[in-house]
Amino acid sequence: MKPHKVRLFVKTFCGWCHEAQDWLDERGIEYECLDVNVDRAARQEMAQLSGQTLAPVIEVDGEILADFDTDQLEEFWKKLENSPA
């Protein structure tokens, strides 16, 4: 399955957020990056989607992974790739 819409909610000085961005970049995955420190609407949406204010949060075609490290992102991505389209 190739994702259609990937959005990454980040905080400016968040190490895990930068690692998530690097992970996506290294794999050539296109995504929209939303900095919740400067975008109030993005911060509210992140909290609504994830039920928390911790970052990073990634949304891939409606599937949500919140407050994760790159190992968890890798596992999440593999599950998405193996799911039926």
N, C-alpha and C. Protein backbone atom coordinates (compact mmCIF):
# COMPACT_ATOMS: atom_id res chain seq x y z
N MET A 1 0.83 -1.19 0.00
CA MET A 1 0.00 0.00 0.00
C MET A 1 0.87 1.24 0.00
N LYS A 2 0.62 2.15 -0.90
CA LYS A 2 1.32 3.42 -0.92
C LYS A 2 0.39 4.46 -0.31
N PRO A 3 0.84 5.15 0.74
CA PRO A 3 -0.02 6.13 1.39
C PRO A 3 -0.33 7.31 0.47
N HIS A 4 -1.53 7.83 0.62
CA HIS A 4 -1.96 8.98 -0.17
C HIS A 4 -1.69 10.29 0.55
N LYS A 5 -1.89 10.30 1.87
CA LYS A 5 -1.73 11.54 2.63
C LYS A 5 -1.00 11.24 3.94
N VAL A 6 0.14 11.88 4.11
CA VAL A 6 0.94 11.71 5.32
C VAL A 6 1.15 13.09 5.93
N ARG A 7 0.79 13.22 7.19
CA ARG A 7 1.00 14.47 7.92
C ARG A 7 1.73 14.17 9.21
N LEU A 8 2.73 14.99 9.50
CA LEU A 8 3.55 14.82 10.70
C LEU A 8 3.42 16.07 11.54
N PHE A 9 2.90 15.91 12.75
CA PHE A 9 2.78 17.01 13.71
C PHE A 9 4.02 16.98 14.60
N VAL A 10 4.73 18.11 14.65
CA VAL A 10 5.99 18.17 15.39
C VAL A 10 6.02 19.39 16.30
N LYS A 11 6.99 19.37 17.21
CA LYS A 11 7.33 20.53 18.04
C LYS A 11 8.77 20.92 17.70
N THR A 12 9.04 22.19 17.71
CA THR A 12 10.30 22.75 17.24
C THR A 12 11.53 22.09 17.86
N PHE A 13 11.58 21.94 19.15
CA PHE A 13 12.79 21.45 19.82
C PHE A 13 12.64 20.01 20.30
N CYS A 14 11.93 19.21 19.54
CA CYS A 14 11.65 17.82 19.91
C CYS A 14 12.59 16.90 19.14
N GLY A 15 13.48 16.21 19.85
CA GLY A 15 14.42 15.30 19.22
C GLY A 15 13.72 14.17 18.48
N TRP A 16 12.68 13.59 19.09
CA TRP A 16 11.95 12.50 18.44
C TRP A 16 11.28 13.00 17.15
N CYS A 17 10.84 14.24 17.16
CA CYS A 17 10.22 14.81 15.96
C CYS A 17 11.24 14.91 14.82
N HIS A 18 12.43 15.37 15.15
CA HIS A 18 13.49 15.48 14.13
C HIS A 18 13.88 14.10 13.61
N GLU A 19 13.92 13.11 14.50
CA GLU A 19 14.24 11.74 14.08
C GLU A 19 13.16 11.20 13.15
N ALA A 20 11.90 11.50 13.44
CA ALA A 20 10.79 11.05 12.58
C ALA A 20 10.90 11.70 11.20
N GLN A 21 11.22 12.98 11.16
CA GLN A 21 11.40 13.67 9.89
C GLN A 21 12.54 13.04 9.10
N ASP A 22 13.66 12.77 9.77
CA ASP A 22 14.81 12.14 9.11
C ASP A 22 14.43 10.77 8.57
N TRP A 23 13.67 9.99 9.35
CA TRP A 23 13.25 8.64 8.95
C TRP A 23 12.43 8.72 7.66
N LEU A 24 11.47 9.63 7.61
CA LEU A 24 10.63 9.80 6.43
C LEU A 24 11.45 10.29 5.24
N ASP A 25 12.33 11.27 5.48
CA ASP A 25 13.16 11.82 4.41
C ASP A 25 14.08 10.76 3.81
N GLU A 26 14.69 9.95 4.67
CA GLU A 26 15.62 8.91 4.21
C GLU A 26 14.93 7.89 3.30
N ARG A 27 13.63 7.72 3.46
CA ARG A 27 12.87 6.76 2.68
C ARG A 27 12.13 7.40 1.51
N GLY A 28 12.34 8.70 1.34
CA GLY A 28 11.71 9.41 0.24
C GLY A 28 10.20 9.52 0.35
N ILE A 29 9.71 9.51 1.57
CA ILE A 29 8.27 9.58 1.81
C ILE A 29 7.86 11.06 1.88
N GLU A 30 6.92 11.43 1.04
CA GLU A 30 6.42 12.80 1.04
C GLU A 30 5.42 12.97 2.18
N TYR A 31 5.53 14.10 2.87
CA TYR A 31 4.64 14.36 4.00
C TYR A 31 4.51 15.85 4.22
N GLU A 32 3.42 16.22 4.87
CA GLU A 32 3.20 17.59 5.29
C GLU A 32 3.66 17.70 6.74
N CYS A 33 4.50 18.67 7.03
CA CYS A 33 5.00 18.87 8.38
C CYS A 33 4.28 20.05 9.01
N LEU A 34 3.67 19.82 10.18
CA LEU A 34 2.92 20.85 10.88
C LEU A 34 3.58 21.10 12.24
N ASP A 35 4.11 22.30 12.44
CA ASP A 35 4.76 22.66 13.71
C ASP A 35 3.70 23.19 14.67
N VAL A 36 3.39 22.41 15.67
CA VAL A 36 2.31 22.77 16.59
C VAL A 36 2.70 23.88 17.55
N ASN A 37 3.99 24.24 17.60
CA ASN A 37 4.40 25.37 18.43
C ASN A 37 3.99 26.70 17.81
N VAL A 38 3.88 26.75 16.49
CA VAL A 38 3.57 28.01 15.82
C VAL A 38 2.19 28.02 15.17
N ASP A 39 1.56 26.87 15.09
CA ASP A 39 0.26 26.75 14.41
C ASP A 39 -0.78 26.22 15.41
N ARG A 40 -1.56 27.15 15.95
CA ARG A 40 -2.55 26.79 16.97
C ARG A 40 -3.58 25.78 16.46
N ALA A 41 -4.03 25.96 15.22
CA ALA A 41 -5.01 25.03 14.65
C ALA A 41 -4.42 23.63 14.53
N ALA A 42 -3.15 23.53 14.14
CA ALA A 42 -2.49 22.23 14.05
C ALA A 42 -2.36 21.60 15.43
N ARG A 43 -2.05 22.42 16.44
CA ARG A 43 -1.94 21.89 17.81
C ARG A 43 -3.28 21.34 18.29
N GLN A 44 -4.36 22.06 18.00
CA GLN A 44 -5.68 21.59 18.40
C GLN A 44 -6.06 20.32 17.65
N GLU A 45 -5.74 20.27 16.36
CA GLU A 45 -6.05 19.08 15.57
C GLU A 45 -5.25 17.88 16.06
N MET A 46 -3.96 18.09 16.36
CA MET A 46 -3.12 17.01 16.87
C MET A 46 -3.72 16.44 18.16
N ALA A 47 -4.13 17.32 19.06
CA ALA A 47 -4.72 16.87 20.32
C ALA A 47 -6.02 16.12 20.08
N GLN A 48 -6.80 16.58 19.14
CA GLN A 48 -8.07 15.90 18.82
C GLN A 48 -7.82 14.53 18.21
N LEU A 49 -6.88 14.44 17.29
CA LEU A 49 -6.59 13.17 16.62
C LEU A 49 -5.97 12.14 17.56
N SER A 50 -5.05 12.61 18.41
CA SER A 50 -4.26 11.68 19.23
C SER A 50 -4.75 11.56 20.67
N GLY A 51 -5.55 12.51 21.12
CA GLY A 51 -6.00 12.50 22.50
C GLY A 51 -4.94 12.97 23.48
N GLN A 52 -3.89 13.63 22.95
CA GLN A 52 -2.81 14.10 23.82
C GLN A 52 -2.10 15.29 23.17
N THR A 53 -1.17 15.89 23.92
CA THR A 53 -0.43 17.03 23.40
C THR A 53 1.04 16.70 23.16
N LEU A 54 1.41 15.44 23.29
CA LEU A 54 2.80 15.04 23.08
C LEU A 54 3.06 14.86 21.58
N ALA A 55 4.28 15.14 21.19
CA ALA A 55 4.69 15.00 19.79
C ALA A 55 5.90 14.06 19.72
N PRO A 56 6.11 13.46 18.57
CA PRO A 56 5.42 13.64 17.30
C PRO A 56 4.14 12.82 17.22
N VAL A 57 3.30 13.24 16.29
CA VAL A 57 2.10 12.49 15.91
C VAL A 57 2.10 12.41 14.39
N ILE A 58 1.88 11.22 13.88
CA ILE A 58 1.80 11.06 12.44
C ILE A 58 0.43 10.52 12.07
N GLU A 59 -0.11 11.08 10.98
CA GLU A 59 -1.38 10.60 10.43
C GLU A 59 -1.09 10.13 9.01
N VAL A 60 -1.41 8.89 8.75
CA VAL A 60 -1.23 8.31 7.42
C VAL A 60 -2.58 7.78 6.96
N ASP A 61 -3.18 8.49 6.03
CA ASP A 61 -4.49 8.10 5.49
C ASP A 61 -5.49 7.77 6.60
N GLY A 62 -5.51 8.61 7.65
CA GLY A 62 -6.46 8.45 8.74
C GLY A 62 -5.99 7.57 9.88
N GLU A 63 -4.89 6.85 9.71
CA GLU A 63 -4.32 6.04 10.79
C GLU A 63 -3.37 6.92 11.61
N ILE A 64 -3.46 6.83 12.93
CA ILE A 64 -2.70 7.71 13.82
C ILE A 64 -1.70 6.93 14.65
N LEU A 65 -0.49 7.48 14.75
CA LEU A 65 0.53 7.00 15.69
C LEU A 65 0.99 8.22 16.46
N ALA A 66 0.93 8.14 17.79
CA ALA A 66 1.24 9.29 18.62
C ALA A 66 2.39 9.00 19.58
N ASP A 67 3.18 10.07 19.85
CA ASP A 67 4.25 10.03 20.83
C ASP A 67 5.12 8.78 20.63
N PHE A 68 5.85 8.74 19.53
CA PHE A 68 6.56 7.53 19.11
C PHE A 68 8.03 7.80 18.88
N ASP A 69 8.80 6.72 18.82
CA ASP A 69 10.19 6.80 18.38
C ASP A 69 10.29 6.13 17.01
N THR A 70 11.46 6.12 16.42
CA THR A 70 11.58 5.60 15.06
C THR A 70 11.35 4.10 14.98
N ASP A 71 11.65 3.35 16.04
CA ASP A 71 11.35 1.91 16.03
C ASP A 71 9.85 1.69 15.94
N GLN A 72 9.08 2.45 16.70
CA GLN A 72 7.63 2.35 16.65
C GLN A 72 7.09 2.82 15.30
N LEU A 73 7.71 3.84 14.73
CA LEU A 73 7.30 4.33 13.41
C LEU A 73 7.55 3.25 12.36
N GLU A 74 8.68 2.59 12.44
CA GLU A 74 9.00 1.52 11.48
C GLU A 74 7.95 0.40 11.55
N GLU A 75 7.59 0.00 12.76
CA GLU A 75 6.59 -1.06 12.95
C GLU A 75 5.22 -0.61 12.42
N PHE A 76 4.85 0.62 12.73
CA PHE A 76 3.58 1.20 12.25
C PHE A 76 3.56 1.21 10.73
N TRP A 77 4.67 1.63 10.11
CA TRP A 77 4.74 1.73 8.65
C TRP A 77 4.63 0.36 8.01
N LYS A 78 5.30 -0.64 8.60
CA LYS A 78 5.23 -2.01 8.05
C LYS A 78 3.80 -2.53 8.07
N LYS A 79 3.08 -2.25 9.15
CA LYS A 79 1.68 -2.69 9.24
C LYS A 79 0.85 -2.02 8.15
N LEU A 80 1.10 -0.74 7.90
CA LEU A 80 0.37 -0.03 6.85
C LEU A 80 0.68 -0.61 5.48
N GLU A 81 1.95 -0.91 5.23
CA GLU A 81 2.35 -1.46 3.94
C GLU A 81 1.72 -2.84 3.69
N ASN A 82 1.53 -3.59 4.76
CA ASN A 82 0.99 -4.96 4.63
C ASN A 82 -0.53 -5.02 4.67
N SER A 83 -1.17 -3.88 4.92
CA SER A 83 -2.63 -3.88 4.98
C SER A 83 -3.20 -3.81 3.55
N PRO A 84 -4.38 -4.39 3.35
CA PRO A 84 -4.99 -4.34 2.02
C PRO A 84 -5.33 -2.91 1.63
N ALA A 85 -5.23 -2.62 0.37
CA ALA A 85 -5.48 -1.24 -0.12
C ALA A 85 -6.94 -0.87 -0.04
